[in-house]
Amino acid sequence: MKKLLYGLIGFVVVLTLVLAGILVNLLLIAPKPPTAIDTLTSIADTHTLPPLQTYSARDGAALAFRQYPGAADRIVVLLHGHTGSSVEMDRLARGLSQAGYTVLVPDIRGHGASGSRGDIAYLGQLDDDLTDLMISIRKAHPTASVNLVGFDAGGGLALRFDGGEYGGLFDRYVLLAPYLGFNAPTVRAGLGGKAAVSVPRLFALAILDKLGIHRFDTLPVVAFAIPSGNPDQTPTYTMRLWQNFGPDLNYRGDFNRATKPIIILDGTKDEVMVPNQFAPNVTWIPSVKAVYLLPGLNHRDLIVSPTARDAILAVLRGGAPKGAASAL
C-alpha cells in the first residue's frame, strides 16, 4: 500500500514538474510584430493639438484626455483604436468641433499619457474608467446630449459599455469599423496583417489565471505593426488589456444587453475589418438601428476623411449619410 501511495505521489510530482516546464516554455514565446504598415502612423497636426487635461479615476489615477470646444449641450466622446491615442482622432475631433459639438477624446488607459503603456490592472478597468469620465461630464453638463463614438477597438469597447451596467449613461453609440473580437466574422485574420498574437502565451496565461497565479500578467501577448520610434502608439498589449479593449468574448451578448441605439459605419475598402459581414451578423439585434457602408473608404479613412466626418455628423443629427444606404 505504501509503495502504491509513494508511486502516486511521485507521479503527481513528475506531472507537476512537466506541466510547469511546459508553461514556462510557453511563457517564453513572445509575439513577434508584423512589418510596420504606414496606415498606423500618426495622422494628427500635432502642433495644433489641444493640450492634455486629466480626470480622476476611481483608483486615483489621473487619466488624460483632449477637449475640443463646441456647444455645451451637444457632446461627443471619441474613443481611439488599437495602439492609438487621442492624437489619432484629432482630425475627426476637429471636424466635429467645427460643426458645433464639444468633443472629448481620452487616452484609453494603457495608451498615450494614461497609465502604463500596454497594460491595465484588471479586466474591466477600461469600463470603470469610461464610467468615471462620463460621471465627470454629467456633473458639468447634467442635461447635455452625450454620444459615444468609437473607432476600431474603441468601437468594440463602446459596444461592451452599451451592454454593461452603465450603458444608459450615453444617449447614442456610433461604432466606426468596430472590432468585435479576434475570431469574429467581421475581423480579418491578424487585423489584416497588423497584429500578431502569441497563442502559446495566451494559453499558458489562461491556465495560470485559473490557478490563481498572476505573476506573469504583465507579459505581452500581442504585438502590432507600428513604425519604430512612434511616441503616439503602443506596440504591445498584455492579455488583460487585449481582452478589455473591445467587446466581451461573446460580442453577441453585448449586443443583446445593449439598451441604447447603435449605428455602425464602415468603408467598403476596409482592409482590417470585413465590411459586408456586419449587417448579416447584427440583423437580429433590436438596438442596432442601421449599418452604413461608405463607398471607397478604407479603415483609416473613417477617422480622417471628410466623407466619413460628414457621415458621422449626419448620424449624430439623426439622419442618414449621403450616398450610403443602410445595409440592414
C-alpha atoms as a PDB file:
ATOM      1  CA  MET A   1       0.000   0.000   0.000  1.00  0.00           C
ATOM      2  CA  LYS A   2       2.861   2.364   0.858  1.00  0.00           C
ATOM      3  CA  LYS A   3       4.561   1.608  -2.466  1.00  0.00           C
ATOM      4  CA  LEU A   4       1.347   2.468  -4.286  1.00  0.00           C
ATOM      5  CA  LEU A   5       0.990   5.704  -2.321  1.00  0.00           C
ATOM      6  CA  TYR A   6       4.619   6.686  -2.907  1.00  0.00           C
ATOM      7  CA  GLY A   7       4.265   5.855  -6.578  1.00  0.00           C
ATOM      8  CA  LEU A   8       1.159   8.030  -6.845  1.00  0.00           C
ATOM      9  CA  ILE A   9       2.887  10.904  -5.077  1.00  0.00           C
ATOM     10  CA  GLY A  10       5.893  10.540  -7.370  1.00  0.00           C
ATOM     11  CA  PHE A  11       3.646  10.551 -10.436  1.00  0.00           C
ATOM     12  CA  VAL A  12       1.913  13.741  -9.270  1.00  0.00           C
ATOM     13  CA  VAL A  13       5.257  15.434  -8.600  1.00  0.00           C
ATOM     14  CA  VAL A  14       6.646  14.472 -12.008  1.00  0.00           C
ATOM     15  CA  LEU A  15       3.440  15.530 -13.749  1.00  0.00           C
ATOM     16  CA  THR A  16       3.507  18.859 -11.925  1.00  0.00           C
ATOM     17  CA  LEU A  17       7.120  19.468 -12.936  1.00  0.00           C
ATOM     18  CA  VAL A  18       6.394  18.558 -16.543  1.00  0.00           C
ATOM     19  CA  LEU A  19       3.389  20.880 -16.677  1.00  0.00           C
ATOM     20  CA  ALA A  20       5.397  23.638 -15.003  1.00  0.00           C
ATOM     21  CA  GLY A  21       8.141  23.181 -17.580  1.00  0.00           C
ATOM     22  CA  ILE A  22       5.649  23.344 -20.429  1.00  0.00           C
ATOM     23  CA  LEU A  23       4.090  26.514 -19.025  1.00  0.00           C
ATOM     24  CA  VAL A  24       7.450  28.200 -18.558  1.00  0.00           C
ATOM     25  CA  ASN A  25       8.457  27.346 -22.135  1.00  0.00           C
ATOM     26  CA  LEU A  26       5.163  28.663 -23.452  1.00  0.00           C
ATOM     27  CA  LEU A  27       5.612  31.876 -21.487  1.00  0.00           C
ATOM     28  CA  LEU A  28       8.955  32.376 -23.206  1.00  0.00           C
ATOM     29  CA  ILE A  29       7.277  32.525 -26.626  1.00  0.00           C
ATOM     30  CA  ALA A  30       6.657  36.217 -27.140  1.00  0.00           C
ATOM     31  CA  PRO A  31       4.619  37.663 -30.012  1.00  0.00           C
ATOM     32  CA  LYS A  32       6.641  38.869 -32.998  1.00  0.00           C
ATOM     33  CA  PRO A  33       5.324  42.096 -34.517  1.00  0.00           C
ATOM     34  CA  PRO A  34       4.454  42.094 -38.214  1.00  0.00           C
ATOM     35  CA  THR A  35       6.184  44.507 -40.551  1.00  0.00           C
ATOM     36  CA  ALA A  36       5.118  48.067 -39.816  1.00  0.00           C
ATOM     37  CA  ILE A  37       2.365  49.390 -42.074  1.00  0.00           C
ATOM     38  CA  ASP A  38       2.110  53.064 -42.891  1.00  0.00           C
ATOM     39  CA  THR A  39      -1.632  53.196 -42.165  1.00  0.00           C
ATOM     40  CA  LEU A  40      -0.825  53.080 -38.461  1.00  0.00           C
ATOM     41  CA  THR A  41       1.348  56.190 -38.425  1.00  0.00           C
ATOM     42  CA  SER A  42       0.376  59.379 -36.622  1.00  0.00           C
ATOM     43  CA  ILE A  43      -2.250  61.344 -38.530  1.00  0.00           C
ATOM     44  CA  ALA A  44      -2.664  64.466 -36.430  1.00  0.00           C
ATOM     45  CA  ASP A  45      -1.485  68.016 -36.900  1.00  0.00           C
ATOM     46  CA  THR A  46       0.480  67.751 -33.670  1.00  0.00           C
ATOM     47  CA  HIS A  47       1.395  71.426 -33.491  1.00  0.00           C
ATOM     48  CA  THR A  48      -2.283  72.358 -33.150  1.00  0.00           C
ATOM     49  CA  LEU A  49      -3.378  69.631 -30.735  1.00  0.00           C
ATOM     50  CA  PRO A  50      -5.374  70.826 -27.718  1.00  0.00           C
ATOM     51  CA  PRO A  51      -3.367  70.371 -24.508  1.00  0.00           C
ATOM     52  CA  LEU A  52      -3.847  67.234 -22.475  1.00  0.00           C
ATOM     53  CA  GLN A  53      -6.140  67.529 -19.473  1.00  0.00           C
ATOM     54  CA  THR A  54      -6.840  64.893 -16.828  1.00  0.00           C
ATOM     55  CA  TYR A  55      -9.774  63.456 -14.913  1.00  0.00           C
ATOM     56  CA  SER A  56      -9.622  61.340 -11.762  1.00  0.00           C
ATOM     57  CA  ALA A  57     -10.367  57.620 -11.998  1.00  0.00           C
ATOM     58  CA  ARG A  58     -11.637  55.629  -9.030  1.00  0.00           C
ATOM     59  CA  ASP A  59      -8.164  54.230  -8.324  1.00  0.00           C
ATOM     60  CA  GLY A  60      -6.774  57.752  -8.017  1.00  0.00           C
ATOM     61  CA  ALA A  61      -5.071  57.744 -11.412  1.00  0.00           C
ATOM     62  CA  ALA A  62      -5.057  60.938 -13.447  1.00  0.00           C
ATOM     63  CA  LEU A  63      -6.182  59.835 -16.915  1.00  0.00           C
ATOM     64  CA  ALA A  64      -5.533  62.030 -19.941  1.00  0.00           C
ATOM     65  CA  PHE A  65      -7.952  63.466 -22.489  1.00  0.00           C
ATOM     66  CA  ARG A  66      -8.139  66.298 -25.007  1.00  0.00           C
ATOM     67  CA  GLN A  67     -11.126  68.632 -25.336  1.00  0.00           C
ATOM     68  CA  TYR A  68     -12.303  70.444 -28.458  1.00  0.00           C
ATOM     69  CA  PRO A  69     -14.726  73.373 -27.963  1.00  0.00           C
ATOM     70  CA  GLY A  70     -18.370  73.361 -29.015  1.00  0.00           C
ATOM     71  CA  ALA A  71     -21.914  73.656 -27.713  1.00  0.00           C
ATOM     72  CA  ALA A  72     -22.282  72.686 -24.050  1.00  0.00           C
ATOM     73  CA  ASP A  73     -25.485  70.743 -24.713  1.00  0.00           C
ATOM     74  CA  ARG A  74     -24.068  68.595 -27.552  1.00  0.00           C
ATOM     75  CA  ILE A  75     -21.132  66.416 -26.520  1.00  0.00           C
ATOM     76  CA  VAL A  76     -19.271  63.620 -28.303  1.00  0.00           C
ATOM     77  CA  VAL A  77     -16.797  61.277 -26.614  1.00  0.00           C
ATOM     78  CA  LEU A  78     -14.390  59.771 -29.165  1.00  0.00           C
ATOM     79  CA  LEU A  79     -12.550  56.502 -28.475  1.00  0.00           C
ATOM     80  CA  HIS A  80      -9.390  55.703 -30.443  1.00  0.00           C
ATOM     81  CA  GLY A  81      -8.489  52.265 -31.778  1.00  0.00           C
ATOM     82  CA  HIS A  82      -5.797  49.608 -31.253  1.00  0.00           C
ATOM     83  CA  THR A  83      -2.330  51.035 -30.464  1.00  0.00           C
ATOM     84  CA  GLY A  84      -3.538  54.645 -30.770  1.00  0.00           C
ATOM     85  CA  SER A  85      -4.184  57.600 -28.502  1.00  0.00           C
ATOM     86  CA  SER A  86      -6.152  60.827 -28.599  1.00  0.00           C
ATOM     87  CA  VAL A  87      -3.654  62.025 -31.223  1.00  0.00           C
ATOM     88  CA  GLU A  88      -5.034  59.769 -33.967  1.00  0.00           C
ATOM     89  CA  MET A  89      -8.557  61.151 -33.503  1.00  0.00           C
ATOM     90  CA  ASP A  90      -7.506  64.787 -33.956  1.00  0.00           C
ATOM     91  CA  ARG A  91      -8.848  65.362 -37.473  1.00  0.00           C
ATOM     92  CA  LEU A  92     -12.234  63.822 -36.742  1.00  0.00           C
ATOM     93  CA  ALA A  93     -12.483  65.593 -33.381  1.00  0.00           C
ATOM     94  CA  ARG A  94     -11.636  68.915 -35.011  1.00  0.00           C
ATOM     95  CA  GLY A  95     -14.261  68.370 -37.713  1.00  0.00           C
ATOM     96  CA  LEU A  96     -16.998  67.548 -35.199  1.00  0.00           C
ATOM     97  CA  SER A  97     -15.976  70.538 -33.090  1.00  0.00           C
ATOM     98  CA  GLN A  98     -16.226  72.868 -36.072  1.00  0.00           C
ATOM     99  CA  ALA A  99     -19.755  71.521 -36.619  1.00  0.00           C
ATOM    100  CA  GLY A 100     -20.730  72.665 -33.114  1.00  0.00           C
ATOM    101  CA  TYR A 101     -20.064  69.668 -30.876  1.00  0.00           C
ATOM    102  CA  THR A 102     -17.955  69.674 -27.725  1.00  0.00           C
ATOM    103  CA  VAL A 103     -15.611  66.729 -28.247  1.00  0.00           C
ATOM    104  CA  LEU A 104     -13.665  64.834 -25.586  1.00  0.00           C
ATOM    105  CA  VAL A 105     -11.016  62.327 -26.656  1.00  0.00           C
ATOM    106  CA  PRO A 106      -9.478  60.243 -23.861  1.00  0.00           C
ATOM    107  CA  ASP A 107      -6.201  58.372 -23.978  1.00  0.00           C
ATOM    108  CA  ILE A 108      -7.568  54.920 -23.110  1.00  0.00           C
ATOM    109  CA  ARG A 109      -5.671  53.561 -20.102  1.00  0.00           C
ATOM    110  CA  GLY A 110      -2.600  51.698 -21.342  1.00  0.00           C
ATOM    111  CA  HIS A 111      -2.165  54.198 -24.198  1.00  0.00           C
ATOM    112  CA  GLY A 112      -0.796  57.692 -24.640  1.00  0.00           C
ATOM    113  CA  ALA A 113      -0.483  59.544 -21.345  1.00  0.00           C
ATOM    114  CA  SER A 114      -2.883  57.299 -19.386  1.00  0.00           C
ATOM    115  CA  GLY A 115      -1.404  54.619 -17.156  1.00  0.00           C
ATOM    116  CA  SER A 116       1.308  52.117 -18.071  1.00  0.00           C
ATOM    117  CA  ARG A 117       1.736  51.564 -21.795  1.00  0.00           C
ATOM    118  CA  GLY A 118       0.230  48.295 -22.972  1.00  0.00           C
ATOM    119  CA  ASP A 119      -1.271  47.169 -19.658  1.00  0.00           C
ATOM    120  CA  ILE A 120      -4.106  47.683 -17.183  1.00  0.00           C
ATOM    121  CA  ALA A 121      -4.589  46.411 -13.637  1.00  0.00           C
ATOM    122  CA  TYR A 122      -7.615  44.159 -14.167  1.00  0.00           C
ATOM    123  CA  LEU A 123     -10.171  43.079 -16.735  1.00  0.00           C
ATOM    124  CA  GLY A 124     -12.982  45.631 -16.653  1.00  0.00           C
ATOM    125  CA  GLN A 125     -10.816  48.602 -15.688  1.00  0.00           C
ATOM    126  CA  LEU A 126     -11.485  50.332 -19.020  1.00  0.00           C
ATOM    127  CA  ASP A 127     -15.224  50.080 -18.343  1.00  0.00           C
ATOM    128  CA  ASP A 128     -14.681  51.694 -14.942  1.00  0.00           C
ATOM    129  CA  ASP A 129     -12.544  54.456 -16.464  1.00  0.00           C
ATOM    130  CA  LEU A 130     -15.195  55.297 -19.047  1.00  0.00           C
ATOM    131  CA  THR A 131     -17.845  55.384 -16.327  1.00  0.00           C
ATOM    132  CA  ASP A 132     -15.705  57.777 -14.289  1.00  0.00           C
ATOM    133  CA  LEU A 133     -15.193  60.033 -17.321  1.00  0.00           C
ATOM    134  CA  MET A 134     -18.924  60.086 -18.009  1.00  0.00           C
ATOM    135  CA  ILE A 135     -19.719  60.898 -14.369  1.00  0.00           C
ATOM    136  CA  SER A 136     -17.387  63.907 -14.582  1.00  0.00           C
ATOM    137  CA  ILE A 137     -19.079  65.016 -17.821  1.00  0.00           C
ATOM    138  CA  ARG A 138     -22.559  64.689 -16.330  1.00  0.00           C
ATOM    139  CA  LYS A 139     -21.549  66.762 -13.300  1.00  0.00           C
ATOM    140  CA  ALA A 140     -20.551  69.630 -15.590  1.00  0.00           C
ATOM    141  CA  HIS A 141     -23.317  69.107 -18.175  1.00  0.00           C
ATOM    142  CA  PRO A 142     -26.278  67.366 -16.493  1.00  0.00           C
ATOM    143  CA  THR A 143     -28.753  67.894 -19.352  1.00  0.00           C
ATOM    144  CA  ALA A 144     -26.438  67.587 -22.366  1.00  0.00           C
ATOM    145  CA  SER A 145     -26.919  65.021 -25.124  1.00  0.00           C
ATOM    146  CA  VAL A 146     -23.811  62.824 -25.000  1.00  0.00           C
ATOM    147  CA  ASN A 147     -22.877  60.432 -27.821  1.00  0.00           C
ATOM    148  CA  LEU A 148     -20.132  57.803 -27.692  1.00  0.00           C
ATOM    149  CA  VAL A 149     -18.269  57.307 -30.987  1.00  0.00           C
ATOM    150  CA  GLY A 150     -15.708  54.506 -31.044  1.00  0.00           C
ATOM    151  CA  PHE A 151     -13.245  53.553 -33.790  1.00  0.00           C
ATOM    152  CA  ASP A 152     -11.821  50.024 -34.233  1.00  0.00           C
ATOM    153  CA  ALA A 153     -11.158  48.645 -30.726  1.00  0.00           C
ATOM    154  CA  GLY A 154     -12.753  51.812 -29.376  1.00  0.00           C
ATOM    155  CA  GLY A 155     -15.915  50.740 -31.187  1.00  0.00           C
ATOM    156  CA  GLY A 156     -15.694  47.343 -29.536  1.00  0.00           C
ATOM    157  CA  LEU A 157     -15.241  48.992 -26.138  1.00  0.00           C
ATOM    158  CA  ALA A 158     -18.242  51.231 -26.833  1.00  0.00           C
ATOM    159  CA  LEU A 159     -20.334  48.140 -27.603  1.00  0.00           C
ATOM    160  CA  ARG A 160     -19.085  46.488 -24.424  1.00  0.00           C
ATOM    161  CA  PHE A 161     -20.094  49.585 -22.457  1.00  0.00           C
ATOM    162  CA  ASP A 162     -23.571  49.795 -24.017  1.00  0.00           C
ATOM    163  CA  GLY A 163     -24.136  46.193 -22.958  1.00  0.00           C
ATOM    164  CA  GLY A 164     -22.847  46.844 -19.441  1.00  0.00           C
ATOM    165  CA  GLU A 165     -24.236  48.182 -16.194  1.00  0.00           C
ATOM    166  CA  TYR A 166     -23.813  51.865 -17.119  1.00  0.00           C
ATOM    167  CA  GLY A 167     -24.623  51.756 -20.825  1.00  0.00           C
ATOM    168  CA  GLY A 168     -27.522  54.142 -20.286  1.00  0.00           C
ATOM    169  CA  LEU A 169     -25.141  56.993 -19.452  1.00  0.00           C
ATOM    170  CA  PHE A 170     -24.756  57.734 -23.172  1.00  0.00           C
ATOM    171  CA  ASP A 171     -27.624  58.655 -25.468  1.00  0.00           C
ATOM    172  CA  ARG A 172     -26.339  57.050 -28.681  1.00  0.00           C
ATOM    173  CA  TYR A 173     -23.491  54.773 -29.776  1.00  0.00           C
ATOM    174  CA  VAL A 174     -21.793  55.156 -33.155  1.00  0.00           C
ATOM    175  CA  LEU A 175     -19.348  52.355 -33.983  1.00  0.00           C
ATOM    176  CA  LEU A 176     -16.758  53.006 -36.708  1.00  0.00           C
ATOM    177  CA  ALA A 177     -15.422  49.731 -38.140  1.00  0.00           C
ATOM    178  CA  PRO A 178     -15.813  48.200 -34.672  1.00  0.00           C
ATOM    179  CA  TYR A 179     -13.537  45.401 -33.525  1.00  0.00           C
ATOM    180  CA  LEU A 180     -15.864  42.604 -32.384  1.00  0.00           C
ATOM    181  CA  GLY A 181     -13.222  40.092 -31.309  1.00  0.00           C
ATOM    182  CA  PHE A 182     -10.247  38.321 -32.854  1.00  0.00           C
ATOM    183  CA  ASN A 183     -12.368  35.443 -34.184  1.00  0.00           C
ATOM    184  CA  ALA A 184     -15.442  37.458 -35.182  1.00  0.00           C
ATOM    185  CA  PRO A 185     -16.562  37.085 -38.818  1.00  0.00           C
ATOM    186  CA  THR A 186     -16.214  40.851 -39.215  1.00  0.00           C
ATOM    187  CA  VAL A 187     -12.451  40.824 -38.499  1.00  0.00           C
ATOM    188  CA  ARG A 188      -9.757  39.892 -40.999  1.00  0.00           C
ATOM    189  CA  ALA A 189      -7.059  37.478 -39.828  1.00  0.00           C
ATOM    190  CA  GLY A 190      -4.456  39.219 -37.703  1.00  0.00           C
ATOM    191  CA  LEU A 191      -6.334  42.508 -38.119  1.00  0.00           C
ATOM    192  CA  GLY A 192      -5.427  42.444 -41.790  1.00  0.00           C
ATOM    193  CA  GLY A 193      -1.791  41.681 -41.001  1.00  0.00           C
ATOM    194  CA  LYS A 194      -1.415  44.434 -38.416  1.00  0.00           C
ATOM    195  CA  ALA A 195      -1.269  42.226 -35.299  1.00  0.00           C
ATOM    196  CA  ALA A 196       0.406  39.019 -34.173  1.00  0.00           C
ATOM    197  CA  VAL A 197      -0.803  37.050 -31.143  1.00  0.00           C
ATOM    198  CA  SER A 198       1.292  34.567 -29.161  1.00  0.00           C
ATOM    199  CA  VAL A 199      -1.252  31.757 -28.836  1.00  0.00           C
ATOM    200  CA  PRO A 200       1.047  29.617 -26.631  1.00  0.00           C
ATOM    201  CA  ARG A 201       1.496  32.508 -24.208  1.00  0.00           C
ATOM    202  CA  LEU A 202      -2.250  33.197 -24.166  1.00  0.00           C
ATOM    203  CA  PHE A 203      -2.861  29.516 -23.443  1.00  0.00           C
ATOM    204  CA  ALA A 204      -0.304  29.425 -20.633  1.00  0.00           C
ATOM    205  CA  LEU A 205      -1.566  32.614 -19.007  1.00  0.00           C
ATOM    206  CA  ALA A 206      -5.162  31.378 -19.169  1.00  0.00           C
ATOM    207  CA  ILE A 207      -4.139  28.221 -17.269  1.00  0.00           C
ATOM    208  CA  LEU A 208      -2.206  30.209 -14.665  1.00  0.00           C
ATOM    209  CA  ASP A 209      -5.165  32.568 -14.273  1.00  0.00           C
ATOM    210  CA  LYS A 210      -7.406  29.601 -13.453  1.00  0.00           C
ATOM    211  CA  LEU A 211      -4.835  28.515 -10.857  1.00  0.00           C
ATOM    212  CA  GLY A 212      -4.832  31.973  -9.290  1.00  0.00           C
ATOM    213  CA  ILE A 213      -1.266  32.713 -10.413  1.00  0.00           C
ATOM    214  CA  HIS A 214      -0.848  36.265 -11.734  1.00  0.00           C
ATOM    215  CA  ARG A 215       2.923  36.735 -11.598  1.00  0.00           C
ATOM    216  CA  PHE A 216       3.175  36.764 -15.402  1.00  0.00           C
ATOM    217  CA  ASP A 217       0.180  39.000 -16.160  1.00  0.00           C
ATOM    218  CA  THR A 218       2.412  41.856 -17.344  1.00  0.00           C
ATOM    219  CA  LEU A 219       3.829  39.817 -20.239  1.00  0.00           C
ATOM    220  CA  PRO A 220       2.730  40.973 -23.710  1.00  0.00           C
ATOM    221  CA  VAL A 221       0.551  38.592 -25.713  1.00  0.00           C
ATOM    222  CA  VAL A 222       0.002  40.631 -28.876  1.00  0.00           C
ATOM    223  CA  ALA A 223       2.325  42.829 -30.921  1.00  0.00           C
ATOM    224  CA  PHE A 224       1.279  45.378 -33.517  1.00  0.00           C
ATOM    225  CA  ALA A 225       2.765  46.596 -36.770  1.00  0.00           C
ATOM    226  CA  ILE A 226       3.725  50.153 -35.943  1.00  0.00           C
ATOM    227  CA  PRO A 227       6.703  52.179 -37.168  1.00  0.00           C
ATOM    228  CA  SER A 228       9.570  52.193 -34.681  1.00  0.00           C
ATOM    229  CA  GLY A 229      10.010  55.310 -32.614  1.00  0.00           C
ATOM    230  CA  ASN A 230       6.405  56.493 -32.917  1.00  0.00           C
ATOM    231  CA  PRO A 231       5.666  58.026 -29.486  1.00  0.00           C
ATOM    232  CA  ASP A 232       1.910  58.163 -30.035  1.00  0.00           C
ATOM    233  CA  GLN A 233       1.354  54.418 -30.375  1.00  0.00           C
ATOM    234  CA  THR A 234       1.517  51.359 -28.132  1.00  0.00           C
ATOM    235  CA  PRO A 235       3.410  48.392 -29.634  1.00  0.00           C
ATOM    236  CA  THR A 236       2.220  45.516 -27.394  1.00  0.00           C
ATOM    237  CA  TYR A 237      -0.703  44.540 -25.136  1.00  0.00           C
ATOM    238  CA  THR A 238      -0.952  42.272 -22.126  1.00  0.00           C
ATOM    239  CA  MET A 239      -3.752  39.698 -22.079  1.00  0.00           C
ATOM    240  CA  ARG A 240      -5.975  41.753 -19.770  1.00  0.00           C
ATOM    241  CA  LEU A 241      -5.706  44.858 -21.966  1.00  0.00           C
ATOM    242  CA  TRP A 242      -6.217  42.776 -25.115  1.00  0.00           C
ATOM    243  CA  GLN A 243      -9.387  41.261 -23.623  1.00  0.00           C
ATOM    244  CA  ASN A 244     -10.748  44.520 -22.194  1.00  0.00           C
ATOM    245  CA  PHE A 245     -10.142  46.813 -25.183  1.00  0.00           C
ATOM    246  CA  GLY A 246     -13.074  45.525 -27.177  1.00  0.00           C
ATOM    247  CA  PRO A 247     -16.339  43.677 -26.577  1.00  0.00           C
ATOM    248  CA  ASP A 248     -16.973  40.724 -24.327  1.00  0.00           C
ATOM    249  CA  LEU A 249     -15.613  37.380 -25.579  1.00  0.00           C
ATOM    250  CA  ASN A 250     -19.117  36.765 -26.889  1.00  0.00           C
ATOM    251  CA  TYR A 251     -19.898  40.049 -28.636  1.00  0.00           C
ATOM    252  CA  ARG A 252     -23.456  38.871 -29.297  1.00  0.00           C
ATOM    253  CA  GLY A 253     -24.069  39.042 -25.557  1.00  0.00           C
ATOM    254  CA  ASP A 254     -23.100  42.731 -25.521  1.00  0.00           C
ATOM    255  CA  PHE A 255     -25.449  43.396 -28.429  1.00  0.00           C
ATOM    256  CA  ASN A 256     -28.242  41.554 -26.624  1.00  0.00           C
ATOM    257  CA  ARG A 257     -27.746  43.581 -23.438  1.00  0.00           C
ATOM    258  CA  ALA A 258     -27.398  46.957 -25.175  1.00  0.00           C
ATOM    259  CA  THR A 259     -30.118  49.426 -24.190  1.00  0.00           C
ATOM    260  CA  LYS A 260     -29.232  52.478 -26.291  1.00  0.00           C
ATOM    261  CA  PRO A 261     -29.348  52.881 -30.092  1.00  0.00           C
ATOM    262  CA  ILE A 262     -26.321  51.629 -32.053  1.00  0.00           C
ATOM    263  CA  ILE A 263     -25.317  52.698 -35.557  1.00  0.00           C
ATOM    264  CA  ILE A 264     -22.408  51.016 -37.371  1.00  0.00           C
ATOM    265  CA  LEU A 265     -20.364  52.638 -40.133  1.00  0.00           C
ATOM    266  CA  ASP A 266     -17.576  51.122 -42.197  1.00  0.00           C
ATOM    267  CA  GLY A 267     -15.881  51.725 -45.526  1.00  0.00           C
ATOM    268  CA  THR A 268     -16.302  49.336 -48.424  1.00  0.00           C
ATOM    269  CA  LYS A 269     -12.491  49.160 -48.823  1.00  0.00           C
ATOM    270  CA  ASP A 270     -11.708  48.397 -45.151  1.00  0.00           C
ATOM    271  CA  GLU A 271      -8.564  46.249 -45.088  1.00  0.00           C
ATOM    272  CA  VAL A 272      -8.805  45.434 -41.351  1.00  0.00           C
ATOM    273  CA  MET A 273     -12.483  44.528 -40.984  1.00  0.00           C
ATOM    274  CA  VAL A 274     -14.824  42.664 -43.362  1.00  0.00           C
ATOM    275  CA  PRO A 275     -17.428  45.356 -44.070  1.00  0.00           C
ATOM    276  CA  ASN A 276     -20.057  43.164 -45.731  1.00  0.00           C
ATOM    277  CA  GLN A 277     -20.175  40.898 -42.667  1.00  0.00           C
ATOM    278  CA  PHE A 278     -21.525  43.489 -40.232  1.00  0.00           C
ATOM    279  CA  ALA A 279     -25.132  43.539 -41.447  1.00  0.00           C
ATOM    280  CA  PRO A 280     -25.588  39.724 -41.620  1.00  0.00           C
ATOM    281  CA  ASN A 281     -24.344  39.377 -38.055  1.00  0.00           C
ATOM    282  CA  VAL A 282     -26.495  42.113 -36.466  1.00  0.00           C
ATOM    283  CA  THR A 283     -29.813  41.865 -38.326  1.00  0.00           C
ATOM    284  CA  TRP A 284     -31.449  40.208 -35.319  1.00  0.00           C
ATOM    285  CA  ILE A 285     -30.409  42.926 -32.821  1.00  0.00           C
ATOM    286  CA  PRO A 286     -33.111  45.490 -31.921  1.00  0.00           C
ATOM    287  CA  SER A 287     -30.604  48.043 -30.626  1.00  0.00           C
ATOM    288  CA  VAL A 288     -28.784  48.247 -33.994  1.00  0.00           C
ATOM    289  CA  LYS A 289     -30.688  50.847 -35.985  1.00  0.00           C
ATOM    290  CA  ALA A 290     -28.529  50.922 -39.121  1.00  0.00           C
ATOM    291  CA  VAL A 291     -25.326  49.672 -40.750  1.00  0.00           C
ATOM    292  CA  TYR A 292     -23.909  52.093 -43.334  1.00  0.00           C
ATOM    293  CA  LEU A 293     -21.113  51.233 -45.763  1.00  0.00           C
ATOM    294  CA  LEU A 294     -19.311  54.267 -47.149  1.00  0.00           C
ATOM    295  CA  PRO A 295     -18.169  53.688 -50.755  1.00  0.00           C
ATOM    296  CA  GLY A 296     -14.425  53.652 -51.391  1.00  0.00           C
ATOM    297  CA  LEU A 297     -13.269  54.321 -47.819  1.00  0.00           C
ATOM    298  CA  ASN A 298     -10.620  52.197 -46.087  1.00  0.00           C
ATOM    299  CA  HIS A 299     -10.042  51.642 -42.375  1.00  0.00           C
ATOM    300  CA  ARG A 300      -8.095  54.810 -41.605  1.00  0.00           C
ATOM    301  CA  ASP A 301     -10.375  56.920 -43.807  1.00  0.00           C
ATOM    302  CA  LEU A 302     -13.099  56.567 -41.178  1.00  0.00           C
ATOM    303  CA  ILE A 303     -11.235  58.981 -38.894  1.00  0.00           C
ATOM    304  CA  VAL A 304      -9.552  61.280 -41.435  1.00  0.00           C
ATOM    305  CA  SER A 305     -11.830  61.529 -44.479  1.00  0.00           C
ATOM    306  CA  PRO A 306     -14.235  64.477 -44.869  1.00  0.00           C
ATOM    307  CA  THR A 307     -16.726  61.967 -46.305  1.00  0.00           C
ATOM    308  CA  ALA A 308     -16.602  59.936 -43.089  1.00  0.00           C
ATOM    309  CA  ARG A 309     -16.841  63.097 -40.980  1.00  0.00           C
ATOM    310  CA  ASP A 310     -19.969  64.190 -42.838  1.00  0.00           C
ATOM    311  CA  ALA A 311     -21.471  60.704 -42.492  1.00  0.00           C
ATOM    312  CA  ILE A 312     -20.861  60.724 -38.746  1.00  0.00           C
ATOM    313  CA  LEU A 313     -22.378  64.185 -38.423  1.00  0.00           C
ATOM    314  CA  ALA A 314     -25.469  63.025 -40.324  1.00  0.00           C
ATOM    315  CA  VAL A 315     -25.871  60.086 -37.949  1.00  0.00           C
ATOM    316  CA  LEU A 316     -25.377  62.277 -34.869  1.00  0.00           C
ATOM    317  CA  ARG A 317     -28.125  64.561 -36.155  1.00  0.00           C
ATOM    318  CA  GLY A 318     -30.484  61.622 -36.560  1.00  0.00           C
ATOM    319  CA  GLY A 319     -30.218  61.297 -40.328  1.00  0.00           C
ATOM    320  CA  ALA A 320     -28.549  59.030 -42.868  1.00  0.00           C
ATOM    321  CA  PRO A 321     -25.216  59.610 -44.646  1.00  0.00           C
ATOM    322  CA  LYS A 322     -25.430  60.791 -48.220  1.00  0.00           C
ATOM    323  CA  GLY A 323     -24.560  58.102 -50.762  1.00  0.00           C
ATOM    324  CA  ALA A 324     -24.681  55.250 -48.247  1.00  0.00           C
ATOM    325  CA  ALA A 325     -27.875  53.260 -47.821  1.00  0.00           C
ATOM    326  CA  SER A 326     -28.376  51.157 -44.712  1.00  0.00           C
ATOM    327  CA  ALA A 327     -27.134  47.592 -45.224  1.00  0.00           C
ATOM    328  CA  LEU A 328     -29.786  46.230 -42.831  1.00  0.00           C
END
